Amino acid sequence: MLEFQTPELLRMPLQELCLHTKLLAPINCPVVDFLMKAPDPPPALIVKNALQMLKVSRGIHLDGNCPHLGKMVLCAVVLKCLDPVLTIACALAYRDPFVLPTLASQKRAAMLCRKRFTAGTFSDHMVLLRAFQAWQKARSDGWERAFCEKNFLSQATMQIIVGTRTQLLGQLRASGFVRARGGADIREVNANSENWAVVKAALVAGMYPNLVHVDRQSLVLTAPKEKKVRFHPTSVLSQPEYKKIPPVNGQTAAVQALPTDWLIYDEMTRAHRIANIRCCSVVTPITVALFCGPARLPSNALHASASCQGDRVSSDSSDSEMEDRATSNVSLLKLDEWLHLKLDSEVCKLSL
């Protein structure tokens, strides 16, 4: 038996330790250098490997910038919906705040809790946002712990999200994207924070090219390099109804229930040759047309209706999902090698 217990610094998961350290370390001090000042630090090489893993798996650069989530946040500043996107980005940067129970009955209860936060939006991102907002209110009312237990949330993860939000907002102010003083400035960058369509636009801009399309004929999700993609079991979109659905038919029913033919996702994993997507949200084709693809489209990106014949395109004809099959006023917009949209010609011109 050891005479002294192993320091907690050496017992906790390294990626979590790195995230905690980033919140505590001075701005100009790298995570590795700060940890090396501890009495019993973890090996520097292992810390560097953990930092590299965060960069590869989550796009988190703790000693630099985050291109994936950073673009999302900067777009939120431009679109004036900073607060909700900041919360979502910080939640995605760390890990799912929901606890995964082991018992089957508790798993069903946990999924019901997630679904209660969707507000009918078909969005895991909305779940993260509303769960955080409800937790903030519970904390101010003094029943934070009970709220987390009731809703299968990790209190420690929520605290990390708060700390990351505070730090990121400070960096935005230091960089001049948000003015350092005055409540009016914060209100200005949040003028559209209650408009979920605008919030999703910022998410789409940051998530691209993490996009999947609904094949309505086969009732499957497709991606640029995947013919068939499934929702991860933790996604609220994986179960269209509260009642039990046989596993064989669950994914088909979930896809059939989607109100639009495009979705963004945060992460794609693979298990037994099956690709699964985590943290998804449905988005409209006009949002895809406006916020996906390169910053400047080439002149040949727009094709007249006559050239649409034979191309693999989506059947989305408008943002409102109203079906107008007249092809005389339809153009093909090619955003990249895979992402082709058949849209109204006037809408296409607006996206250029």
Protein backbone atom coordinates (compact mmCIF):
# COMPACT_ATOMS: atom_id res chain seq x y z
CA MET A 1 0.00 0.00 0.00
CA LEU A 2 1.29 3.43 -0.90
CA GLU A 3 2.33 5.66 1.97
CA PHE A 4 0.79 8.68 0.27
CA GLN A 5 -2.15 8.89 -2.11
CA THR A 6 -1.37 9.65 -5.76
CA PRO A 7 -1.88 13.39 -6.40
CA GLU A 8 -5.17 14.21 -8.09
CA LEU A 9 -3.19 15.96 -10.82
CA LEU A 10 -1.90 12.53 -11.87
CA ARG A 11 -5.24 10.75 -11.45
CA MET A 12 -7.65 12.88 -13.47
CA PRO A 13 -8.07 12.46 -17.26
CA LEU A 14 -5.37 14.39 -19.08
CA GLN A 15 -7.64 16.11 -21.60
CA GLU A 16 -9.87 17.35 -18.78
CA LEU A 17 -6.75 18.47 -16.88
CA CYS A 18 -5.58 20.47 -19.90
CA LEU A 19 -8.94 22.22 -20.18
CA HIS A 20 -8.95 23.06 -16.46
CA THR A 21 -5.38 24.32 -16.73
CA LYS A 22 -6.22 26.62 -19.64
CA LEU A 23 -8.85 28.31 -17.47
CA LEU A 24 -6.38 28.87 -14.61
CA ALA A 25 -3.13 29.62 -16.42
CA PRO A 26 -2.09 33.18 -17.37
CA ILE A 27 -3.00 34.15 -20.93
CA ASN A 28 0.59 34.05 -22.23
CA CYS A 29 1.58 30.87 -20.41
CA PRO A 30 1.31 27.58 -22.39
CA VAL A 31 -0.54 24.72 -20.73
CA VAL A 32 2.56 22.49 -20.61
CA ASP A 33 4.73 25.17 -18.97
CA PHE A 34 2.08 25.94 -16.37
CA LEU A 35 1.64 22.27 -15.39
CA MET A 36 5.39 21.76 -15.11
CA LYS A 37 5.39 24.21 -12.18
CA ALA A 38 3.36 21.77 -10.05
CA PRO A 39 5.16 19.78 -7.29
CA ASP A 40 4.28 16.47 -9.02
CA PRO A 41 3.52 17.29 -12.64
CA PRO A 42 2.53 14.72 -15.26
CA PRO A 43 5.22 14.00 -17.87
CA ALA A 44 5.49 16.84 -20.37
CA LEU A 45 5.37 14.48 -23.35
CA ILE A 46 2.07 12.96 -22.17
CA VAL A 47 0.58 16.45 -21.70
CA LYS A 48 1.66 17.40 -25.23
CA ASN A 49 0.04 14.22 -26.56
CA ALA A 50 -3.20 15.10 -24.76
CA LEU A 51 -3.13 18.59 -26.27
CA GLN A 52 -2.56 17.11 -29.70
CA MET A 53 -5.48 14.73 -29.18
CA LEU A 54 -7.75 17.66 -28.33
CA LYS A 55 -6.66 19.38 -31.52
CA VAL A 56 -7.26 16.33 -33.69
CA SER A 57 -10.49 15.01 -32.17
CA ARG A 58 -12.21 18.24 -31.16
CA GLY A 59 -10.46 21.01 -33.04
CA ILE A 60 -9.41 22.66 -29.76
CA HIS A 61 -6.14 24.58 -29.84
CA LEU A 62 -5.47 25.48 -26.22
CA ASP A 63 -2.23 27.24 -27.10
CA GLY A 64 -3.63 28.96 -30.16
CA ASN A 65 -6.92 29.44 -31.99
CA CYS A 66 -9.75 27.04 -32.80
CA PRO A 67 -10.55 27.26 -36.53
CA HIS A 68 -13.67 25.09 -36.41
CA LEU A 69 -15.48 26.70 -33.49
CA GLY A 70 -13.69 30.02 -33.86
CA LYS A 71 -15.30 30.64 -37.24
CA MET A 72 -18.67 29.84 -35.71
CA VAL A 73 -18.18 32.40 -32.93
CA LEU A 74 -16.90 35.10 -35.29
CA CYS A 75 -19.89 34.57 -37.57
CA ALA A 76 -22.11 34.93 -34.50
CA VAL A 77 -20.54 38.34 -33.83
CA VAL A 78 -21.30 39.42 -37.40
CA LEU A 79 -24.85 38.00 -37.27
CA LYS A 80 -25.39 39.49 -33.79
CA CYS A 81 -26.26 36.23 -32.01
CA LEU A 82 -23.13 35.83 -29.89
CA ASP A 83 -24.47 34.59 -26.55
CA PRO A 84 -26.22 31.36 -27.70
CA VAL A 85 -23.45 30.46 -30.16
CA LEU A 86 -20.82 31.10 -27.51
CA THR A 87 -22.60 28.64 -25.20
CA ILE A 88 -22.95 26.00 -27.93
CA ALA A 89 -19.33 26.38 -29.04
CA CYS A 90 -18.01 26.01 -25.48
CA ALA A 91 -20.17 22.92 -24.91
CA LEU A 92 -18.91 21.36 -28.14
CA ALA A 93 -15.32 22.24 -27.28
CA TYR A 94 -15.41 20.18 -24.09
CA ARG A 95 -17.80 17.24 -23.99
CA ASP A 96 -21.47 16.31 -23.75
CA PRO A 97 -22.78 17.74 -20.45
CA PHE A 98 -25.36 14.96 -20.17
CA VAL A 99 -24.45 11.94 -18.07
CA LEU A 100 -24.94 8.52 -19.68
CA PRO A 101 -26.71 6.19 -17.21
CA THR A 102 -26.03 2.47 -17.17
CA LEU A 103 -29.54 1.18 -16.42
CA ALA A 104 -31.95 0.84 -19.37
CA SER A 105 -34.79 2.59 -17.53
CA GLN A 106 -32.51 5.52 -16.70
CA LYS A 107 -31.31 5.71 -20.30
CA ARG A 108 -34.89 6.23 -21.44
CA ALA A 109 -35.40 8.87 -18.75
CA ALA A 110 -32.20 10.64 -19.80
CA MET A 111 -33.34 10.74 -23.44
CA LEU A 112 -36.68 12.20 -22.34
CA CYS A 113 -34.79 14.93 -20.50
CA ARG A 114 -32.84 15.74 -23.64
CA LYS A 115 -36.03 15.84 -25.72
CA ARG A 116 -37.68 18.26 -23.31
CA PHE A 117 -35.00 20.81 -24.17
CA THR A 118 -35.50 20.61 -27.96
CA ALA A 119 -38.52 22.95 -28.11
CA GLY A 120 -39.56 21.21 -31.34
CA THR A 121 -36.45 22.32 -33.24
CA PHE A 122 -34.99 18.95 -34.30
CA SER A 123 -31.68 20.13 -32.90
CA ASP A 124 -29.13 18.73 -30.47
CA HIS A 125 -27.53 22.18 -30.43
CA MET A 126 -30.75 23.64 -29.06
CA VAL A 127 -30.66 20.95 -26.35
CA LEU A 128 -27.21 22.12 -25.25
CA LEU A 129 -28.29 25.76 -25.27
CA ARG A 130 -31.57 25.35 -23.37
CA ALA A 131 -30.04 22.93 -20.88
CA PHE A 132 -27.31 25.47 -20.09
CA GLN A 133 -29.80 28.32 -19.79
CA ALA A 134 -32.02 26.27 -17.47
CA TRP A 135 -28.99 25.28 -15.39
CA GLN A 136 -27.96 28.93 -15.05
CA LYS A 137 -31.41 29.79 -13.72
CA ALA A 138 -31.34 26.83 -11.33
CA ARG A 139 -27.94 27.94 -10.06
CA SER A 140 -29.18 31.48 -9.43
CA ASP A 141 -32.22 30.03 -7.63
CA GLY A 142 -30.01 27.84 -5.42
CA TRP A 143 -30.94 24.33 -6.60
CA GLU A 144 -28.13 23.65 -9.07
CA ARG A 145 -27.23 20.20 -7.72
CA ALA A 146 -30.82 18.94 -7.68
CA PHE A 147 -31.38 20.28 -11.18
CA CYS A 148 -28.35 18.38 -12.51
CA GLU A 149 -29.45 15.15 -10.85
CA LYS A 150 -32.99 15.50 -12.18
CA ASN A 151 -31.86 16.20 -15.75
CA PHE A 152 -28.84 13.83 -15.90
CA LEU A 153 -26.38 16.72 -16.25
CA SER A 154 -22.77 16.88 -15.07
CA GLN A 155 -22.30 19.79 -12.69
CA ALA A 156 -18.53 19.78 -13.28
CA THR A 157 -18.98 19.97 -17.04
CA MET A 158 -21.34 22.92 -16.67
CA GLN A 159 -18.74 24.74 -14.61
CA ILE A 160 -16.14 24.13 -17.31
CA ILE A 161 -18.50 25.57 -19.94
CA VAL A 162 -19.02 28.69 -17.81
CA GLY A 163 -15.28 29.16 -17.41
CA THR A 164 -14.61 28.65 -21.09
CA ARG A 165 -17.37 31.11 -22.01
CA THR A 166 -15.89 33.75 -19.73
CA GLN A 167 -12.40 33.26 -21.13
CA LEU A 168 -13.52 33.27 -24.75
CA LEU A 169 -15.59 36.41 -24.28
CA GLY A 170 -12.53 38.05 -22.72
CA GLN A 171 -10.48 37.08 -25.77
CA LEU A 172 -13.11 38.55 -28.10
CA ARG A 173 -12.98 41.80 -26.15
CA ALA A 174 -9.19 41.86 -26.13
CA SER A 175 -9.18 41.30 -29.90
CA GLY A 176 -11.67 44.11 -30.50
CA PHE A 177 -14.51 41.94 -31.82
CA VAL A 178 -16.60 42.93 -28.80
CA ARG A 179 -16.12 46.30 -27.16
CA ALA A 180 -14.62 46.04 -23.71
CA ARG A 181 -17.02 48.35 -21.92
CA GLY A 182 -20.71 49.09 -21.87
CA GLY A 183 -23.77 46.89 -21.68
CA ALA A 184 -25.05 48.43 -24.91
CA ASP A 185 -22.23 46.78 -26.84
CA ILE A 186 -23.13 43.33 -25.51
CA ARG A 187 -26.77 43.94 -26.41
CA GLU A 188 -25.72 44.94 -29.91
CA VAL A 189 -23.92 41.65 -30.62
CA ASN A 190 -26.96 39.80 -29.26
CA ALA A 191 -29.68 41.60 -31.20
CA ASN A 192 -30.60 38.34 -33.01
CA SER A 193 -29.89 35.91 -30.18
CA GLU A 194 -33.57 35.02 -29.86
CA ASN A 195 -33.85 34.20 -33.57
CA TRP A 196 -33.04 30.51 -33.89
CA ALA A 197 -32.77 30.71 -37.69
CA VAL A 198 -29.98 33.28 -37.38
CA VAL A 199 -28.24 31.21 -34.69
CA LYS A 200 -28.32 28.17 -36.98
CA ALA A 201 -26.83 30.25 -39.78
CA ALA A 202 -23.77 30.89 -37.60
CA LEU A 203 -23.63 27.19 -36.71
CA VAL A 204 -23.77 26.19 -40.38
CA ALA A 205 -20.95 28.58 -41.27
CA GLY A 206 -18.77 27.07 -38.56
CA MET A 207 -19.73 23.42 -39.06
CA TYR A 208 -19.22 23.28 -42.83
CA PRO A 209 -18.27 20.84 -44.37
CA ASN A 210 -19.90 18.69 -41.66
CA LEU A 211 -23.11 18.31 -43.62
CA VAL A 212 -25.37 15.37 -44.49
CA HIS A 213 -28.27 15.08 -46.92
CA VAL A 214 -31.53 13.13 -46.64
CA ASP A 215 -32.19 10.64 -49.40
CA ARG A 216 -36.00 10.60 -49.35
CA GLN A 217 -36.28 7.60 -51.64
CA SER A 218 -34.11 5.28 -49.54
CA LEU A 219 -34.79 7.13 -46.26
CA VAL A 220 -31.11 7.27 -45.33
CA LEU A 221 -28.61 10.01 -44.58
CA THR A 222 -25.72 10.48 -47.00
CA ALA A 223 -22.42 12.36 -46.75
CA PRO A 224 -19.65 13.17 -49.27
CA LYS A 225 -17.75 9.96 -48.50
CA GLU A 226 -20.52 7.93 -46.85
CA LYS A 227 -23.45 6.32 -48.62
CA LYS A 228 -25.25 5.67 -45.36
CA VAL A 229 -24.96 7.59 -42.09
CA ARG A 230 -26.84 6.98 -38.86
CA PHE A 231 -27.71 9.20 -35.93
CA HIS A 232 -25.74 8.47 -32.78
CA PRO A 233 -28.01 6.99 -30.08
CA THR A 234 -27.47 10.06 -27.89
CA SER A 235 -28.93 12.40 -30.52
CA VAL A 236 -32.51 13.55 -29.97
CA LEU A 237 -33.03 13.11 -33.70
CA SER A 238 -32.41 9.36 -33.42
CA GLN A 239 -35.86 8.84 -31.89
CA PRO A 240 -38.74 10.75 -33.50
CA GLU A 241 -41.23 9.85 -30.79
CA TYR A 242 -41.21 9.16 -27.07
CA LYS A 243 -42.68 5.70 -27.47
CA LYS A 244 -40.49 2.67 -28.10
CA ILE A 245 -39.51 2.00 -31.71
CA PRO A 246 -37.90 -1.28 -32.81
CA PRO A 247 -34.17 -0.72 -33.40
CA VAL A 248 -34.49 -1.98 -36.98
CA ASN A 249 -37.05 0.70 -37.85
CA GLY A 250 -35.84 3.45 -35.53
CA GLN A 251 -33.39 5.15 -37.89
CA THR A 252 -35.79 4.97 -40.84
CA ALA A 253 -38.58 6.53 -38.79
CA ALA A 254 -36.21 9.20 -37.52
CA VAL A 255 -35.10 10.14 -41.03
CA GLN A 256 -38.67 10.13 -42.33
CA ALA A 257 -39.71 12.56 -39.57
CA LEU A 258 -37.11 15.19 -40.50
CA PRO A 259 -38.74 18.43 -41.75
CA THR A 260 -35.86 19.37 -44.11
CA ASP A 261 -33.33 17.49 -46.23
CA TRP A 262 -30.12 18.95 -44.79
CA LEU A 263 -28.40 18.56 -41.43
CA ILE A 264 -25.22 19.80 -39.82
CA TYR A 265 -23.33 17.72 -37.28
CA ASP A 266 -20.44 18.20 -34.90
CA GLU A 267 -18.64 14.87 -35.11
CA MET A 268 -18.71 11.67 -37.18
CA THR A 269 -17.54 8.43 -35.58
CA ARG A 270 -17.38 4.90 -36.91
CA ALA A 271 -18.35 1.68 -35.17
CA HIS A 272 -18.47 -1.68 -36.94
CA ARG A 273 -18.24 -0.01 -40.37
CA ILE A 274 -21.23 2.21 -39.58
CA ALA A 275 -20.78 5.98 -39.55
CA ASN A 276 -22.60 7.80 -36.75
CA ILE A 277 -23.09 11.55 -36.41
CA ARG A 278 -23.29 13.35 -33.08
CA CYS A 279 -24.90 16.66 -32.18
CA CYS A 280 -27.05 17.36 -35.23
CA SER A 281 -29.47 20.06 -36.32
CA VAL A 282 -31.77 20.28 -39.32
CA VAL A 283 -31.11 23.28 -41.57
CA THR A 284 -32.90 24.70 -44.59
CA PRO A 285 -31.43 24.66 -48.11
CA ILE A 286 -31.30 28.45 -48.32
CA THR A 287 -29.16 28.49 -45.17
CA VAL A 288 -26.87 25.90 -46.75
CA ALA A 289 -26.70 27.94 -49.96
CA LEU A 290 -25.80 31.16 -48.15
CA PHE A 291 -23.40 29.91 -45.48
CA CYS A 292 -21.70 26.81 -46.93
CA GLY A 293 -18.99 26.51 -49.51
CA PRO A 294 -16.00 28.78 -50.12
CA ALA A 295 -16.08 32.43 -49.10
CA ARG A 296 -16.06 33.45 -52.78
CA LEU A 297 -17.76 31.20 -55.31
CA PRO A 298 -16.30 30.78 -58.81
CA SER A 299 -18.14 32.26 -61.75
CA ASN A 300 -19.18 28.80 -63.00
CA ALA A 301 -20.88 27.83 -59.71
CA LEU A 302 -24.33 28.73 -61.07
CA HIS A 303 -25.81 26.65 -63.88
CA ALA A 304 -29.01 27.29 -65.80
CA SER A 305 -31.96 24.91 -65.50
CA ALA A 306 -31.19 23.22 -68.81
CA SER A 307 -27.88 21.92 -67.45
CA CYS A 308 -29.51 20.40 -64.37
CA GLN A 309 -30.56 17.28 -66.22
CA GLY A 310 -28.56 14.25 -65.15
CA ASP A 311 -26.84 15.88 -62.19
CA ARG A 312 -27.19 14.52 -58.67
CA VAL A 313 -28.96 17.34 -56.85
CA SER A 314 -31.14 17.82 -53.84
CA SER A 315 -34.85 18.27 -54.40
CA ASP A 316 -35.11 21.20 -52.00
CA SER A 317 -36.90 23.98 -53.83
CA SER A 318 -37.33 26.63 -51.16
CA ASP A 319 -36.57 27.57 -47.60
CA SER A 320 -40.19 27.01 -46.60
CA GLU A 321 -40.06 23.45 -47.99
CA MET A 322 -43.01 24.19 -50.35
CA GLU A 323 -42.73 21.91 -53.37
CA ASP A 324 -42.80 23.72 -56.72
CA ARG A 325 -41.79 21.29 -59.42
CA ALA A 326 -41.70 23.80 -62.25
CA THR A 327 -38.18 23.61 -63.66
CA SER A 328 -38.26 26.65 -65.92
CA ASN A 329 -37.11 28.97 -63.12
CA VAL A 330 -34.72 26.56 -61.39
CA SER A 331 -30.92 26.75 -61.38
CA LEU A 332 -28.19 24.45 -60.09
CA LEU A 333 -25.81 25.93 -57.53
CA LYS A 334 -22.57 23.95 -57.10
CA LEU A 335 -20.96 24.93 -53.79
CA ASP A 336 -18.33 22.17 -53.90
CA GLU A 337 -17.77 18.79 -55.56
CA TRP A 338 -20.56 17.16 -53.55
CA LEU A 339 -22.85 19.96 -52.44
CA HIS A 340 -25.21 20.75 -55.32
CA LEU A 341 -28.47 22.61 -54.72
CA LYS A 342 -31.39 22.98 -57.11
CA LEU A 343 -32.91 26.31 -56.13
CA ASP A 344 -35.01 29.11 -57.53
CA SER A 345 -32.86 31.17 -59.89
CA GLU A 346 -33.43 34.39 -57.95
CA VAL A 347 -32.39 32.69 -54.71
CA CYS A 348 -29.26 31.35 -56.38
CA LYS A 349 -28.28 34.84 -57.53
CA LEU A 350 -28.62 36.13 -53.96
CA SER A 351 -26.14 33.52 -52.74
CA LEU A 352 -23.41 34.57 -55.18
